[in-house]
Amino acid sequence: MKRFFAIIESPVTRTFLLGLVVLSFQTTLFNTLRPFGVVLQMMLLFACVSGVVAGSETGAVAGFMFGLMYDMVLTAPLGLSAVVFGFAGYMDGGVNAFVHEARWWMKIVAVVLSTGVAVLLYPAASLVVGVDGLLGSRVVTVALACCGFNALLAIPAVRIAKWALVKPVRQAIWAE
């Protein structure tokens, strides 16, 4: 029974479950709400904040997991979003390399920068694998809309990602 609870409480399980919830919001609510005709990227937001919360390596793995989950519902080549989101999570983990505990505004700036890079990198990466037609002048509008949206929701998403990725420290209570 202890092993079962250890699996349930592990950060990998919580991140996977968080990914399923975010994916359901991404494919339903945020697929129909399109400000400026742009589908807002919740999965990319959580890939980015996972790097801010847990560092570069964990951010890359969580971003890859979120991207792979998103690729399962897209018609794009499998693994394209996973690679781009993993890179965004890794890039956001760099904020922890400069300071011990990043301030709230530094987290927002890091999420906005990595979101912009990831949104601009996705069409370029799609050209490499043979998908044509994504790289155009509209990609700047998409990048700006996604950056603004992710800036607004960065701090609440950081708190949610902390729950999923950071393993709580348990202290034993001794009864005498």
C-alpha atoms as a PDB file:
ATOM      1  CA  MET A   1       0.000   0.000   0.000  1.00  0.00           C
ATOM      2  CA  LYS A   2       2.896   2.364   0.722  1.00  0.00           C
ATOM      3  CA  ARG A   3       4.241   1.764  -2.772  1.00  0.00           C
ATOM      4  CA  PHE A   4       0.863   2.662  -4.286  1.00  0.00           C
ATOM      5  CA  PHE A   5       0.761   5.966  -2.389  1.00  0.00           C
ATOM      6  CA  ALA A   6       4.378   6.666  -3.341  1.00  0.00           C
ATOM      7  CA  ILE A   7       3.457   6.292  -7.011  1.00  0.00           C
ATOM      8  CA  ILE A   8       0.359   8.469  -6.635  1.00  0.00           C
ATOM      9  CA  GLU A   9       2.284  11.191  -4.789  1.00  0.00           C
ATOM     10  CA  SER A  10       5.242  11.247  -7.190  1.00  0.00           C
ATOM     11  CA  PRO A  11       5.819  14.415  -9.231  1.00  0.00           C
ATOM     12  CA  VAL A  12       5.718  12.442 -12.484  1.00  0.00           C
ATOM     13  CA  THR A  13       2.195  11.186 -11.774  1.00  0.00           C
ATOM     14  CA  ARG A  14       0.987  14.615 -10.672  1.00  0.00           C
ATOM     15  CA  THR A  15       2.522  16.237 -13.761  1.00  0.00           C
ATOM     16  CA  PHE A  16       0.852  13.670 -16.023  1.00  0.00           C
ATOM     17  CA  LEU A  17      -2.523  14.262 -14.360  1.00  0.00           C
ATOM     18  CA  LEU A  18      -2.021  18.023 -14.597  1.00  0.00           C
ATOM     19  CA  GLY A  19      -1.203  17.561 -18.283  1.00  0.00           C
ATOM     20  CA  LEU A  20      -4.462  15.689 -18.848  1.00  0.00           C
ATOM     21  CA  VAL A  21      -6.485  18.461 -17.195  1.00  0.00           C
ATOM     22  CA  VAL A  22      -4.666  21.216 -19.104  1.00  0.00           C
ATOM     23  CA  LEU A  23      -5.034  19.266 -22.356  1.00  0.00           C
ATOM     24  CA  SER A  24      -8.773  19.007 -21.813  1.00  0.00           C
ATOM     25  CA  PHE A  25      -8.984  22.780 -21.335  1.00  0.00           C
ATOM     26  CA  GLN A  26      -6.720  23.325 -24.354  1.00  0.00           C
ATOM     27  CA  THR A  27      -8.812  21.200 -26.707  1.00  0.00           C
ATOM     28  CA  THR A  28     -12.215  22.429 -25.534  1.00  0.00           C
ATOM     29  CA  LEU A  29     -12.341  25.908 -24.005  1.00  0.00           C
ATOM     30  CA  PHE A  30      -9.213  27.481 -25.476  1.00  0.00           C
ATOM     31  CA  ASN A  31      -9.856  25.974 -28.894  1.00  0.00           C
ATOM     32  CA  THR A  32     -13.129  27.895 -29.157  1.00  0.00           C
ATOM     33  CA  LEU A  33     -11.986  31.130 -27.468  1.00  0.00           C
ATOM     34  CA  ARG A  34      -9.822  32.750 -30.108  1.00  0.00           C
ATOM     35  CA  PRO A  35      -8.815  36.343 -29.394  1.00  0.00           C
ATOM     36  CA  PHE A  36      -7.467  37.913 -32.603  1.00  0.00           C
ATOM     37  CA  GLY A  37      -8.144  34.556 -34.293  1.00  0.00           C
ATOM     38  CA  VAL A  38      -5.373  32.862 -32.290  1.00  0.00           C
ATOM     39  CA  VAL A  39      -5.635  29.599 -30.360  1.00  0.00           C
ATOM     40  CA  LEU A  40      -4.011  30.354 -27.002  1.00  0.00           C
ATOM     41  CA  GLN A  41      -1.412  27.806 -25.891  1.00  0.00           C
ATOM     42  CA  MET A  42      -2.123  26.510 -22.383  1.00  0.00           C
ATOM     43  CA  MET A  43       0.093  23.468 -22.896  1.00  0.00           C
ATOM     44  CA  LEU A  44       3.006  25.733 -23.810  1.00  0.00           C
ATOM     45  CA  LEU A  45       2.320  27.857 -20.738  1.00  0.00           C
ATOM     46  CA  PHE A  46       2.644  24.866 -18.426  1.00  0.00           C
ATOM     47  CA  ALA A  47       5.716  23.639 -20.281  1.00  0.00           C
ATOM     48  CA  CYS A  48       7.324  27.019 -19.660  1.00  0.00           C
ATOM     49  CA  VAL A  49       6.381  27.355 -16.003  1.00  0.00           C
ATOM     50  CA  SER A  50       7.620  23.849 -15.265  1.00  0.00           C
ATOM     51  CA  GLY A  51      11.108  25.068 -16.099  1.00  0.00           C
ATOM     52  CA  VAL A  52      10.698  28.123 -13.867  1.00  0.00           C
ATOM     53  CA  VAL A  53       9.505  25.985 -10.968  1.00  0.00           C
ATOM     54  CA  ALA A  54      11.813  22.976 -11.111  1.00  0.00           C
ATOM     55  CA  GLY A  55      14.853  23.895 -13.203  1.00  0.00           C
ATOM     56  CA  SER A  56      16.102  23.193 -16.696  1.00  0.00           C
ATOM     57  CA  GLU A  57      16.212  19.387 -16.715  1.00  0.00           C
ATOM     58  CA  THR A  58      12.824  18.887 -15.102  1.00  0.00           C
ATOM     59  CA  GLY A  59      11.379  21.669 -17.255  1.00  0.00           C
ATOM     60  CA  ALA A  60      12.627  19.955 -20.396  1.00  0.00           C
ATOM     61  CA  VAL A  61      11.138  16.604 -19.367  1.00  0.00           C
ATOM     62  CA  ALA A  62       7.814  18.140 -18.305  1.00  0.00           C
ATOM     63  CA  GLY A  63       7.703  20.278 -21.460  1.00  0.00           C
ATOM     64  CA  PHE A  64       8.388  17.212 -23.576  1.00  0.00           C
ATOM     65  CA  MET A  65       5.580  15.367 -21.748  1.00  0.00           C
ATOM     66  CA  PHE A  66       3.129  18.248 -22.269  1.00  0.00           C
ATOM     67  CA  GLY A  67       4.145  18.566 -25.915  1.00  0.00           C
ATOM     68  CA  LEU A  68       3.773  14.846 -26.557  1.00  0.00           C
ATOM     69  CA  MET A  69       0.316  14.884 -25.003  1.00  0.00           C
ATOM     70  CA  TYR A  70      -0.594  17.821 -27.233  1.00  0.00           C
ATOM     71  CA  ASP A  71       0.822  16.064 -30.290  1.00  0.00           C
ATOM     72  CA  MET A  72      -1.580  13.187 -29.712  1.00  0.00           C
ATOM     73  CA  VAL A  73      -4.529  15.440 -30.591  1.00  0.00           C
ATOM     74  CA  LEU A  74      -2.876  17.481 -33.367  1.00  0.00           C
ATOM     75  CA  THR A  75      -2.452  16.525 -36.987  1.00  0.00           C
ATOM     76  CA  ALA A  76       1.135  17.786 -37.024  1.00  0.00           C
ATOM     77  CA  PRO A  77       4.004  15.275 -37.046  1.00  0.00           C
ATOM     78  CA  LEU A  78       4.299  13.385 -33.777  1.00  0.00           C
ATOM     79  CA  GLY A  79       7.010  14.852 -31.576  1.00  0.00           C
ATOM     80  CA  LEU A  80       7.187  18.318 -33.121  1.00  0.00           C
ATOM     81  CA  SER A  81       5.384  20.059 -30.259  1.00  0.00           C
ATOM     82  CA  ALA A  82       7.212  17.821 -27.790  1.00  0.00           C
ATOM     83  CA  VAL A  83      10.621  19.014 -28.966  1.00  0.00           C
ATOM     84  CA  VAL A  84       9.610  22.683 -29.072  1.00  0.00           C
ATOM     85  CA  PHE A  85       7.867  22.580 -25.671  1.00  0.00           C
ATOM     86  CA  GLY A  86      10.781  20.666 -24.151  1.00  0.00           C
ATOM     87  CA  PHE A  87      13.141  23.362 -25.407  1.00  0.00           C
ATOM     88  CA  ALA A  88      10.898  26.063 -23.922  1.00  0.00           C
ATOM     89  CA  GLY A  89      10.861  24.300 -20.546  1.00  0.00           C
ATOM     90  CA  TYR A  90      14.631  23.926 -20.636  1.00  0.00           C
ATOM     91  CA  MET A  91      15.085  27.569 -21.581  1.00  0.00           C
ATOM     92  CA  ASP A  92      12.882  28.732 -18.697  1.00  0.00           C
ATOM     93  CA  GLY A  93      14.884  26.703 -16.218  1.00  0.00           C
ATOM     94  CA  GLY A  94      17.753  29.092 -16.886  1.00  0.00           C
ATOM     95  CA  VAL A  95      16.039  31.685 -14.719  1.00  0.00           C
ATOM     96  CA  ASN A  96      17.028  29.572 -11.697  1.00  0.00           C
ATOM     97  CA  ALA A  97      20.669  29.552 -12.776  1.00  0.00           C
ATOM     98  CA  PHE A  98      21.012  33.295 -12.239  1.00  0.00           C
ATOM     99  CA  VAL A  99      19.251  33.730  -8.901  1.00  0.00           C
ATOM    100  CA  HIS A 100      18.370  31.474  -5.988  1.00  0.00           C
ATOM    101  CA  GLU A 101      14.682  32.394  -5.906  1.00  0.00           C
ATOM    102  CA  ALA A 102      13.391  34.387  -8.865  1.00  0.00           C
ATOM    103  CA  ARG A 103      11.070  37.277  -8.173  1.00  0.00           C
ATOM    104  CA  TRP A 104       7.546  37.187  -9.568  1.00  0.00           C
ATOM    105  CA  TRP A 105       8.301  39.593 -12.408  1.00  0.00           C
ATOM    106  CA  MET A 106      11.371  37.597 -13.455  1.00  0.00           C
ATOM    107  CA  LYS A 107       9.187  34.515 -13.777  1.00  0.00           C
ATOM    108  CA  ILE A 108       6.750  36.395 -15.988  1.00  0.00           C
ATOM    109  CA  VAL A 109       9.546  37.760 -18.194  1.00  0.00           C
ATOM    110  CA  ALA A 110      11.080  34.289 -18.556  1.00  0.00           C
ATOM    111  CA  VAL A 111       7.717  32.737 -19.493  1.00  0.00           C
ATOM    112  CA  VAL A 112       6.994  35.492 -22.029  1.00  0.00           C
ATOM    113  CA  LEU A 113      10.420  35.203 -23.668  1.00  0.00           C
ATOM    114  CA  SER A 114      10.328  31.425 -23.940  1.00  0.00           C
ATOM    115  CA  THR A 115       6.733  31.516 -25.203  1.00  0.00           C
ATOM    116  CA  GLY A 116       7.716  33.918 -27.948  1.00  0.00           C
ATOM    117  CA  VAL A 117      10.721  31.836 -28.934  1.00  0.00           C
ATOM    118  CA  ALA A 118       8.692  28.609 -28.927  1.00  0.00           C
ATOM    119  CA  VAL A 119       5.857  30.071 -31.002  1.00  0.00           C
ATOM    120  CA  LEU A 120       8.364  31.379 -33.551  1.00  0.00           C
ATOM    121  CA  LEU A 121      10.378  28.154 -33.474  1.00  0.00           C
ATOM    122  CA  TYR A 122       7.396  25.873 -34.146  1.00  0.00           C
ATOM    123  CA  PRO A 123       6.844  26.937 -37.796  1.00  0.00           C
ATOM    124  CA  ALA A 124      10.579  26.821 -38.470  1.00  0.00           C
ATOM    125  CA  ALA A 125      10.789  23.311 -37.024  1.00  0.00           C
ATOM    126  CA  SER A 126       7.769  22.268 -39.074  1.00  0.00           C
ATOM    127  CA  LEU A 127       9.595  23.324 -42.234  1.00  0.00           C
ATOM    128  CA  VAL A 128      12.461  21.027 -41.291  1.00  0.00           C
ATOM    129  CA  VAL A 129      10.154  18.011 -41.083  1.00  0.00           C
ATOM    130  CA  GLY A 130       8.317  18.871 -44.305  1.00  0.00           C
ATOM    131  CA  VAL A 131       5.139  20.648 -43.183  1.00  0.00           C
ATOM    132  CA  ASP A 132       4.734  23.745 -45.330  1.00  0.00           C
ATOM    133  CA  GLY A 133       2.514  26.794 -44.933  1.00  0.00           C
ATOM    134  CA  LEU A 134       2.927  27.619 -41.232  1.00  0.00           C
ATOM    135  CA  LEU A 135       5.656  30.222 -41.593  1.00  0.00           C
ATOM    136  CA  GLY A 136       4.135  33.540 -42.603  1.00  0.00           C
ATOM    137  CA  SER A 137       3.495  37.062 -41.412  1.00  0.00           C
ATOM    138  CA  ARG A 138       0.662  35.881 -39.168  1.00  0.00           C
ATOM    139  CA  VAL A 139       3.109  34.074 -36.879  1.00  0.00           C
ATOM    140  CA  VAL A 140       4.017  37.440 -35.290  1.00  0.00           C
ATOM    141  CA  THR A 141       0.367  38.033 -34.336  1.00  0.00           C
ATOM    142  CA  VAL A 142       0.175  34.528 -32.895  1.00  0.00           C
ATOM    143  CA  ALA A 143       3.377  35.059 -30.911  1.00  0.00           C
ATOM    144  CA  LEU A 144       2.211  38.375 -29.466  1.00  0.00           C
ATOM    145  CA  ALA A 145      -1.200  37.010 -28.471  1.00  0.00           C
ATOM    146  CA  CYS A 146       0.311  33.910 -26.849  1.00  0.00           C
ATOM    147  CA  CYS A 147       2.924  35.990 -25.024  1.00  0.00           C
ATOM    148  CA  GLY A 148       0.274  38.335 -23.632  1.00  0.00           C
ATOM    149  CA  PHE A 149      -1.952  35.476 -22.523  1.00  0.00           C
ATOM    150  CA  ASN A 150       0.916  33.586 -20.908  1.00  0.00           C
ATOM    151  CA  ALA A 151       2.068  36.758 -19.137  1.00  0.00           C
ATOM    152  CA  LEU A 152      -1.382  37.124 -17.568  1.00  0.00           C
ATOM    153  CA  LEU A 153      -1.560  33.538 -16.358  1.00  0.00           C
ATOM    154  CA  ALA A 154       2.107  32.925 -15.493  1.00  0.00           C
ATOM    155  CA  ILE A 155       1.877  33.403 -11.715  1.00  0.00           C
ATOM    156  CA  PRO A 156      -1.227  31.216 -11.156  1.00  0.00           C
ATOM    157  CA  ALA A 157       0.308  28.576 -13.436  1.00  0.00           C
ATOM    158  CA  VAL A 158       3.545  28.683 -11.431  1.00  0.00           C
ATOM    159  CA  ARG A 159       1.602  27.899  -8.259  1.00  0.00           C
ATOM    160  CA  ILE A 160      -0.164  24.982  -9.924  1.00  0.00           C
ATOM    161  CA  ALA A 161       3.090  23.665 -11.385  1.00  0.00           C
ATOM    162  CA  LYS A 162       4.745  23.902  -7.952  1.00  0.00           C
ATOM    163  CA  TRP A 163       2.104  21.554  -6.612  1.00  0.00           C
ATOM    164  CA  ALA A 164       2.751  19.096  -9.404  1.00  0.00           C
ATOM    165  CA  LEU A 165       6.542  19.209  -9.670  1.00  0.00           C
ATOM    166  CA  VAL A 166       7.939  19.938  -6.232  1.00  0.00           C
ATOM    167  CA  LYS A 167       7.849  16.980  -3.880  1.00  0.00           C
ATOM    168  CA  PRO A 168       6.679  18.084  -0.434  1.00  0.00           C
ATOM    169  CA  VAL A 169       9.002  17.563   2.501  1.00  0.00           C
ATOM    170  CA  ARG A 170       7.339  15.411   5.115  1.00  0.00           C
ATOM    171  CA  GLN A 171       8.363  15.550   8.718  1.00  0.00           C
ATOM    172  CA  ALA A 172       7.830  12.627  11.012  1.00  0.00           C
ATOM    173  CA  ILE A 173       5.638  13.259  14.022  1.00  0.00           C
ATOM    174  CA  TRP A 174       6.872  11.298  16.976  1.00  0.00           C
ATOM    175  CA  ALA A 175       4.317  10.269  19.524  1.00  0.00           C
ATOM    176  CA  GLU A 176       5.770   9.421  22.862  1.00  0.00           C
END
